[in-house]
């Protein structure tokens, strides 16, 4: 029930207090969620439930939402930073640092635009470390992965090739080998990589995964 409530909150842009108010006016939805409109959890309960569920629960939601879309087997890697405006001050004091941004590495199907996976990190993990991690988790369903030169090094290329996934990664420079590689990957679909470059709101990692799942669901709803 709380997971669905969080989906409603993010989709409509409600605060936690507004979520409770809105749910009280939705008796049919409350009935389906096993909640009573006159005895809803308070906003604090919804707030804490976001962190109470393990990350694998949110990943399962993302995976199931992605599976509702046609899977081409061709995906694109991208990474971006999200501002974390509401980081817990208690957490910041405990860890002795200021968490202002979260780095998210995403894997997106280049045909359906479904978000397949998201890897979040508060450290400045290099793309060549995060990229293979995301590809490894999804290797069984992938035929090729496109990525920009930030994800390129020889170790990464060998690791992804060992997973039997074609790695369409751009090489820097104008040497003959780099020029030939870049021409070859463009012919194989590298130009579809831009599909993964999507901006999302300022949230922490569970909400980033939730946003990707919601994006998948909204795309599916348009086809129904």
C-alpha atoms as a PDB file:
ATOM      1  CA  UNK A   1       0.000   0.000   0.000  1.00  0.00           C
ATOM      2  CA  UNK A   2       2.805   2.411   0.884  1.00  0.00           C
ATOM      3  CA  UNK A   3       4.646   1.727  -2.380  1.00  0.00           C
ATOM      4  CA  UNK A   4       1.545   2.612  -4.423  1.00  0.00           C
ATOM      5  CA  UNK A   5       1.017   5.681  -2.232  1.00  0.00           C
ATOM      6  CA  UNK A   6       4.566   6.840  -2.979  1.00  0.00           C
ATOM      7  CA  UNK A   7       3.889   6.380  -6.707  1.00  0.00           C
ATOM      8  CA  UNK A   8       0.825   8.615  -6.383  1.00  0.00           C
ATOM      9  CA  UNK A   9       2.830  11.171  -4.388  1.00  0.00           C
ATOM     10  CA  UNK A  10       5.627  11.414  -6.959  1.00  0.00           C
ATOM     11  CA  UNK A  11       3.287  11.408  -9.956  1.00  0.00           C
ATOM     12  CA  UNK A  12       1.115  14.213  -8.590  1.00  0.00           C
ATOM     13  CA  UNK A  13       3.888  16.137  -6.831  1.00  0.00           C
ATOM     14  CA  UNK A  14       2.225  15.978  -3.412  1.00  0.00           C
ATOM     15  CA  UNK A  15       3.930  16.604  -0.096  1.00  0.00           C
ATOM     16  CA  UNK A  16       3.449  13.866   2.507  1.00  0.00           C
ATOM     17  CA  UNK A  17       0.714  15.894   4.218  1.00  0.00           C
ATOM     18  CA  UNK A  18      -1.032  16.492   0.894  1.00  0.00           C
ATOM     19  CA  UNK A  19      -0.807  12.782   0.123  1.00  0.00           C
ATOM     20  CA  UNK A  20      -2.788  11.909   3.247  1.00  0.00           C
ATOM     21  CA  UNK A  21      -5.370  14.602   2.462  1.00  0.00           C
ATOM     22  CA  UNK A  22      -5.784  13.390  -1.112  1.00  0.00           C
ATOM     23  CA  UNK A  23      -6.038   9.729  -0.157  1.00  0.00           C
ATOM     24  CA  UNK A  24      -8.822  10.575   2.288  1.00  0.00           C
ATOM     25  CA  UNK A  25     -10.811  11.763  -0.750  1.00  0.00           C
ATOM     26  CA  UNK A  26     -10.153   8.541  -2.703  1.00  0.00           C
ATOM     27  CA  UNK A  27     -12.187   5.817  -0.944  1.00  0.00           C
ATOM     28  CA  UNK A  28     -12.037   3.418  -3.906  1.00  0.00           C
ATOM     29  CA  UNK A  29      -8.251   3.616  -4.101  1.00  0.00           C
ATOM     30  CA  UNK A  30      -7.951   3.259  -0.325  1.00  0.00           C
ATOM     31  CA  UNK A  31     -10.156   0.165  -0.498  1.00  0.00           C
ATOM     32  CA  UNK A  32      -7.871  -1.409  -3.095  1.00  0.00           C
ATOM     33  CA  UNK A  33      -4.839  -0.585  -0.956  1.00  0.00           C
ATOM     34  CA  UNK A  34      -6.406  -2.007   2.194  1.00  0.00           C
ATOM     35  CA  UNK A  35      -6.534   1.408   3.845  1.00  0.00           C
ATOM     36  CA  UNK A  36      -9.467   3.197   5.474  1.00  0.00           C
ATOM     37  CA  UNK A  37      -9.977   6.828   4.374  1.00  0.00           C
ATOM     38  CA  UNK A  38     -10.753   7.860   7.955  1.00  0.00           C
ATOM     39  CA  UNK A  39      -7.787   6.036   9.509  1.00  0.00           C
ATOM     40  CA  UNK A  40      -4.867   6.707   7.190  1.00  0.00           C
ATOM     41  CA  UNK A  41      -1.232   6.580   8.357  1.00  0.00           C
ATOM     42  CA  UNK A  42       0.090  10.008   9.274  1.00  0.00           C
ATOM     43  CA  UNK A  43       2.538  11.818   6.951  1.00  0.00           C
ATOM     44  CA  UNK A  44       5.510  10.778   9.097  1.00  0.00           C
ATOM     45  CA  UNK A  45       4.654   7.100   8.614  1.00  0.00           C
ATOM     46  CA  UNK A  46       4.671   7.529   4.840  1.00  0.00           C
ATOM     47  CA  UNK A  47       7.938   9.468   5.043  1.00  0.00           C
ATOM     48  CA  UNK A  48       9.715   6.734   7.000  1.00  0.00           C
ATOM     49  CA  UNK A  49       8.281   3.941   4.851  1.00  0.00           C
ATOM     50  CA  UNK A  50      10.299   5.211   1.890  1.00  0.00           C
ATOM     51  CA  UNK A  51      13.505   4.126   3.616  1.00  0.00           C
ATOM     52  CA  UNK A  52      11.987   1.156   5.433  1.00  0.00           C
ATOM     53  CA  UNK A  53      11.699  -0.918   2.270  1.00  0.00           C
ATOM     54  CA  UNK A  54      14.961  -2.456   1.127  1.00  0.00           C
ATOM     55  CA  UNK A  55      16.448  -1.262  -2.145  1.00  0.00           C
ATOM     56  CA  UNK A  56      15.694  -4.583  -3.820  1.00  0.00           C
ATOM     57  CA  UNK A  57      11.969  -3.844  -3.414  1.00  0.00           C
ATOM     58  CA  UNK A  58      12.283  -0.633  -5.418  1.00  0.00           C
ATOM     59  CA  UNK A  59      14.482  -2.371  -7.977  1.00  0.00           C
ATOM     60  CA  UNK A  60      11.829  -5.086  -8.334  1.00  0.00           C
ATOM     61  CA  UNK A  61       9.245  -2.390  -9.063  1.00  0.00           C
ATOM     62  CA  UNK A  62      11.553  -0.874 -11.677  1.00  0.00           C
ATOM     63  CA  UNK A  63      12.259  -4.274 -13.241  1.00  0.00           C
ATOM     64  CA  UNK A  64       8.580  -5.261 -13.424  1.00  0.00           C
ATOM     65  CA  UNK A  65       7.609  -1.899 -14.926  1.00  0.00           C
ATOM     66  CA  UNK A  66      10.379  -2.248 -17.539  1.00  0.00           C
ATOM     67  CA  UNK A  67       9.246  -5.772 -18.427  1.00  0.00           C
ATOM     68  CA  UNK A  68       5.876  -4.396 -19.517  1.00  0.00           C
ATOM     69  CA  UNK A  69       7.634  -2.748 -22.473  1.00  0.00           C
ATOM     70  CA  UNK A  70       9.116  -4.485 -25.531  1.00  0.00           C
ATOM     71  CA  UNK A  71      12.760  -5.319 -24.839  1.00  0.00           C
ATOM     72  CA  UNK A  72      14.994  -4.708 -27.849  1.00  0.00           C
ATOM     73  CA  UNK A  73      18.178  -5.928 -26.197  1.00  0.00           C
ATOM     74  CA  UNK A  74      19.859  -2.665 -27.199  1.00  0.00           C
ATOM     75  CA  UNK A  75      20.511  -0.248 -24.342  1.00  0.00           C
ATOM     76  CA  UNK A  76      22.423   2.931 -23.548  1.00  0.00           C
ATOM     77  CA  UNK A  77      24.446   3.888 -20.498  1.00  0.00           C
ATOM     78  CA  UNK A  78      24.377   7.405 -19.129  1.00  0.00           C
ATOM     79  CA  UNK A  79      25.245   9.099 -15.861  1.00  0.00           C
ATOM     80  CA  UNK A  80      24.060  12.293 -14.247  1.00  0.00           C
ATOM     81  CA  UNK A  81      24.054  14.041 -10.883  1.00  0.00           C
ATOM     82  CA  UNK A  82      20.963  14.798  -8.825  1.00  0.00           C
ATOM     83  CA  UNK A  83      20.863  17.546  -6.228  1.00  0.00           C
ATOM     84  CA  UNK A  84      19.860  16.152  -2.870  1.00  0.00           C
ATOM     85  CA  UNK A  85      18.144  19.100  -1.222  1.00  0.00           C
ATOM     86  CA  UNK A  86      16.695  17.253   1.761  1.00  0.00           C
ATOM     87  CA  UNK A  87      19.563  15.144   2.992  1.00  0.00           C
ATOM     88  CA  UNK A  88      19.121  14.125   6.620  1.00  0.00           C
ATOM     89  CA  UNK A  89      21.167  16.387   8.903  1.00  0.00           C
ATOM     90  CA  UNK A  90      21.449  13.514  11.372  1.00  0.00           C
ATOM     91  CA  UNK A  91      22.962  11.358   8.636  1.00  0.00           C
ATOM     92  CA  UNK A  92      25.356  14.114   7.596  1.00  0.00           C
ATOM     93  CA  UNK A  93      26.585  14.508  11.173  1.00  0.00           C
ATOM     94  CA  UNK A  94      27.009  10.753  11.582  1.00  0.00           C
ATOM     95  CA  UNK A  95      29.018  10.286   8.389  1.00  0.00           C
ATOM     96  CA  UNK A  96      30.959  13.537   8.784  1.00  0.00           C
ATOM     97  CA  UNK A  97      30.327  14.894   5.319  1.00  0.00           C
ATOM     98  CA  UNK A  98      27.895  16.923   3.264  1.00  0.00           C
ATOM     99  CA  UNK A  99      25.932  14.910   0.714  1.00  0.00           C
ATOM    100  CA  UNK A 100      24.836  17.488  -1.834  1.00  0.00           C
ATOM    101  CA  UNK A 101      24.576  15.304  -4.916  1.00  0.00           C
ATOM    102  CA  UNK A 102      23.886  11.704  -5.847  1.00  0.00           C
ATOM    103  CA  UNK A 103      25.385  10.208  -8.982  1.00  0.00           C
ATOM    104  CA  UNK A 104      22.980   8.009 -10.937  1.00  0.00           C
ATOM    105  CA  UNK A 105      24.164   5.670 -13.692  1.00  0.00           C
ATOM    106  CA  UNK A 106      21.237   4.587 -15.847  1.00  0.00           C
ATOM    107  CA  UNK A 107      20.577   1.846 -18.385  1.00  0.00           C
ATOM    108  CA  UNK A 108      17.821   2.649 -20.904  1.00  0.00           C
ATOM    109  CA  UNK A 109      16.328   0.588 -23.721  1.00  0.00           C
ATOM    110  CA  UNK A 110      16.994   2.634 -26.861  1.00  0.00           C
ATOM    111  CA  UNK A 111      13.768   1.591 -28.603  1.00  0.00           C
ATOM    112  CA  UNK A 112      11.090   1.542 -25.892  1.00  0.00           C
ATOM    113  CA  UNK A 113      12.924   4.150 -23.735  1.00  0.00           C
ATOM    114  CA  UNK A 114      12.133   2.020 -20.681  1.00  0.00           C
ATOM    115  CA  UNK A 115      14.482   2.546 -17.737  1.00  0.00           C
ATOM    116  CA  UNK A 116      16.042  -0.883 -17.180  1.00  0.00           C
ATOM    117  CA  UNK A 117      18.320  -0.214 -14.228  1.00  0.00           C
ATOM    118  CA  UNK A 118      19.722   2.566 -12.059  1.00  0.00           C
ATOM    119  CA  UNK A 119      22.877   2.551  -9.960  1.00  0.00           C
ATOM    120  CA  UNK A 120      23.143   5.331  -7.360  1.00  0.00           C
ATOM    121  CA  UNK A 121      26.228   6.385  -5.440  1.00  0.00           C
ATOM    122  CA  UNK A 122      27.118   9.299  -3.170  1.00  0.00           C
ATOM    123  CA  UNK A 123      30.803   8.811  -3.972  1.00  0.00           C
ATOM    124  CA  UNK A 124      32.322  10.123  -7.198  1.00  0.00           C
ATOM    125  CA  UNK A 125      32.530   6.634  -8.678  1.00  0.00           C
ATOM    126  CA  UNK A 126      34.023   6.743 -12.157  1.00  0.00           C
ATOM    127  CA  UNK A 127      31.813   5.762 -15.086  1.00  0.00           C
ATOM    128  CA  UNK A 128      34.201   2.939 -15.976  1.00  0.00           C
ATOM    129  CA  UNK A 129      33.450   1.368 -12.578  1.00  0.00           C
ATOM    130  CA  UNK A 130      29.708   1.981 -12.418  1.00  0.00           C
ATOM    131  CA  UNK A 131      29.004   1.099 -16.061  1.00  0.00           C
ATOM    132  CA  UNK A 132      30.136  -2.549 -15.946  1.00  0.00           C
ATOM    133  CA  UNK A 133      28.285  -3.019 -12.656  1.00  0.00           C
ATOM    134  CA  UNK A 134      24.986  -2.025 -14.288  1.00  0.00           C
ATOM    135  CA  UNK A 135      25.646  -4.041 -17.454  1.00  0.00           C
ATOM    136  CA  UNK A 136      26.614  -7.125 -15.428  1.00  0.00           C
ATOM    137  CA  UNK A 137      23.258  -7.113 -13.626  1.00  0.00           C
ATOM    138  CA  UNK A 138      21.392  -7.085 -16.940  1.00  0.00           C
ATOM    139  CA  UNK A 139      23.757  -8.974 -19.245  1.00  0.00           C
ATOM    140  CA  UNK A 140      21.379 -11.894 -19.885  1.00  0.00           C
ATOM    141  CA  UNK A 141      18.874  -9.538 -21.538  1.00  0.00           C
ATOM    142  CA  UNK A 142      21.315  -7.377 -23.510  1.00  0.00           C
ATOM    143  CA  UNK A 143      22.697  -7.658 -27.022  1.00  0.00           C
ATOM    144  CA  UNK A 144      24.488  -4.306 -27.172  1.00  0.00           C
ATOM    145  CA  UNK A 145      25.189  -1.297 -24.966  1.00  0.00           C
ATOM    146  CA  UNK A 146      26.047   2.190 -26.233  1.00  0.00           C
ATOM    147  CA  UNK A 147      28.035   4.636 -24.088  1.00  0.00           C
ATOM    148  CA  UNK A 148      30.017   7.846 -24.490  1.00  0.00           C
ATOM    149  CA  UNK A 149      33.767   8.098 -24.013  1.00  0.00           C
ATOM    150  CA  UNK A 150      33.403   8.648 -20.270  1.00  0.00           C
ATOM    151  CA  UNK A 151      32.690   4.924 -20.000  1.00  0.00           C
ATOM    152  CA  UNK A 152      35.656   3.912 -22.143  1.00  0.00           C
ATOM    153  CA  UNK A 153      38.765   2.129 -21.005  1.00  0.00           C
ATOM    154  CA  UNK A 154      40.241  -1.176 -22.115  1.00  0.00           C
ATOM    155  CA  UNK A 155      39.413  -2.999 -18.890  1.00  0.00           C
ATOM    156  CA  UNK A 156      35.756  -2.022 -19.197  1.00  0.00           C
ATOM    157  CA  UNK A 157      35.616  -3.060 -22.853  1.00  0.00           C
ATOM    158  CA  UNK A 158      37.107  -6.477 -22.099  1.00  0.00           C
ATOM    159  CA  UNK A 159      34.835  -7.017 -19.110  1.00  0.00           C
ATOM    160  CA  UNK A 160      31.664  -6.227 -21.055  1.00  0.00           C
ATOM    161  CA  UNK A 161      32.830  -8.258 -24.067  1.00  0.00           C
ATOM    162  CA  UNK A 162      33.296 -11.223 -21.708  1.00  0.00           C
ATOM    163  CA  UNK A 163      29.582 -10.940 -20.878  1.00  0.00           C
ATOM    164  CA  UNK A 164      28.809 -11.534 -24.583  1.00  0.00           C
ATOM    165  CA  UNK A 165      27.424  -8.002 -24.930  1.00  0.00           C
ATOM    166  CA  UNK A 166      28.544  -5.780 -27.808  1.00  0.00           C
ATOM    167  CA  UNK A 167      29.951  -2.549 -26.371  1.00  0.00           C
ATOM    168  CA  UNK A 168      29.391   0.480 -28.612  1.00  0.00           C
ATOM    169  CA  UNK A 169      31.606   2.981 -26.844  1.00  0.00           C
ATOM    170  CA  UNK A 170      33.086   6.099 -28.387  1.00  0.00           C
ATOM    171  CA  UNK A 171      36.877   6.488 -28.380  1.00  0.00           C
ATOM    172  CA  UNK A 172      38.599   9.817 -27.860  1.00  0.00           C
ATOM    173  CA  UNK A 173      41.093  11.284 -30.275  1.00  0.00           C
ATOM    174  CA  UNK A 174      41.596  11.295 -34.029  1.00  0.00           C
ATOM    175  CA  UNK A 175      43.974   8.379 -34.446  1.00  0.00           C
ATOM    176  CA  UNK A 176      43.031   5.901 -37.184  1.00  0.00           C
ATOM    177  CA  UNK A 177      41.928   3.232 -34.698  1.00  0.00           C
ATOM    178  CA  UNK A 178      39.676   5.661 -32.796  1.00  0.00           C
ATOM    179  CA  UNK A 179      38.229   7.081 -36.025  1.00  0.00           C
ATOM    180  CA  UNK A 180      37.508   3.604 -37.385  1.00  0.00           C
ATOM    181  CA  UNK A 181      35.896   2.481 -34.127  1.00  0.00           C
ATOM    182  CA  UNK A 182      33.653   5.552 -33.963  1.00  0.00           C
ATOM    183  CA  UNK A 183      32.526   5.104 -37.566  1.00  0.00           C
ATOM    184  CA  UNK A 184      31.782   1.429 -36.930  1.00  0.00           C
ATOM    185  CA  UNK A 185      29.709   1.982 -33.792  1.00  0.00           C
ATOM    186  CA  UNK A 186      27.672   4.719 -35.496  1.00  0.00           C
ATOM    187  CA  UNK A 187      26.744   2.205 -38.179  1.00  0.00           C
ATOM    188  CA  UNK A 188      25.689  -0.256 -35.464  1.00  0.00           C
ATOM    189  CA  UNK A 189      23.345   2.108 -33.644  1.00  0.00           C
ATOM    190  CA  UNK A 190      25.522   4.235 -31.357  1.00  0.00           C
ATOM    191  CA  UNK A 191      23.552   7.350 -32.319  1.00  0.00           C
ATOM    192  CA  UNK A 192      20.569   6.004 -30.363  1.00  0.00           C
ATOM    193  CA  UNK A 193      22.533   6.639 -27.167  1.00  0.00           C
ATOM    194  CA  UNK A 194      20.964  10.088 -26.792  1.00  0.00           C
ATOM    195  CA  UNK A 195      17.729   8.304 -25.825  1.00  0.00           C
ATOM    196  CA  UNK A 196      19.151   7.732 -22.356  1.00  0.00           C
ATOM    197  CA  UNK A 197      19.801  11.417 -21.664  1.00  0.00           C
ATOM    198  CA  UNK A 198      16.734  12.241 -19.611  1.00  0.00           C
ATOM    199  CA  UNK A 199      16.534  14.652 -16.671  1.00  0.00           C
ATOM    200  CA  UNK A 200      14.788  13.778 -13.422  1.00  0.00           C
ATOM    201  CA  UNK A 201      13.863  15.579 -10.209  1.00  0.00           C
ATOM    202  CA  UNK A 202      16.001  16.186  -7.131  1.00  0.00           C
ATOM    203  CA  UNK A 203      15.627  13.181  -4.857  1.00  0.00           C
ATOM    204  CA  UNK A 204      17.507  10.503  -3.013  1.00  0.00           C
ATOM    205  CA  UNK A 205      18.282   7.128  -4.514  1.00  0.00           C
ATOM    206  CA  UNK A 206      15.070   5.238  -3.654  1.00  0.00           C
ATOM    207  CA  UNK A 207      13.060   8.051  -5.212  1.00  0.00           C
ATOM    208  CA  UNK A 208      15.289   8.080  -8.297  1.00  0.00           C
ATOM    209  CA  UNK A 209      14.465   4.397  -8.866  1.00  0.00           C
ATOM    210  CA  UNK A 210      10.795   5.142  -8.154  1.00  0.00           C
ATOM    211  CA  UNK A 211      10.815   7.920 -10.766  1.00  0.00           C
ATOM    212  CA  UNK A 212      12.221   5.585 -13.395  1.00  0.00           C
ATOM    213  CA  UNK A 213       9.533   3.005 -12.586  1.00  0.00           C
ATOM    214  CA  UNK A 214       6.837   5.693 -12.839  1.00  0.00           C
ATOM    215  CA  UNK A 215       8.253   6.811 -16.170  1.00  0.00           C
ATOM    216  CA  UNK A 216       7.948   3.229 -17.456  1.00  0.00           C
ATOM    217  CA  UNK A 217       4.361   2.955 -16.203  1.00  0.00           C
ATOM    218  CA  UNK A 218       3.337   6.282 -17.788  1.00  0.00           C
ATOM    219  CA  UNK A 219       4.760   5.233 -21.158  1.00  0.00           C
ATOM    220  CA  UNK A 220       2.843   1.963 -20.897  1.00  0.00           C
ATOM    221  CA  UNK A 221      -0.408   3.748 -19.990  1.00  0.00           C
ATOM    222  CA  UNK A 222      -0.220   5.858 -23.162  1.00  0.00           C
ATOM    223  CA  UNK A 223      -0.397   2.692 -25.281  1.00  0.00           C
ATOM    224  CA  UNK A 224      -3.461   1.258 -23.530  1.00  0.00           C
END
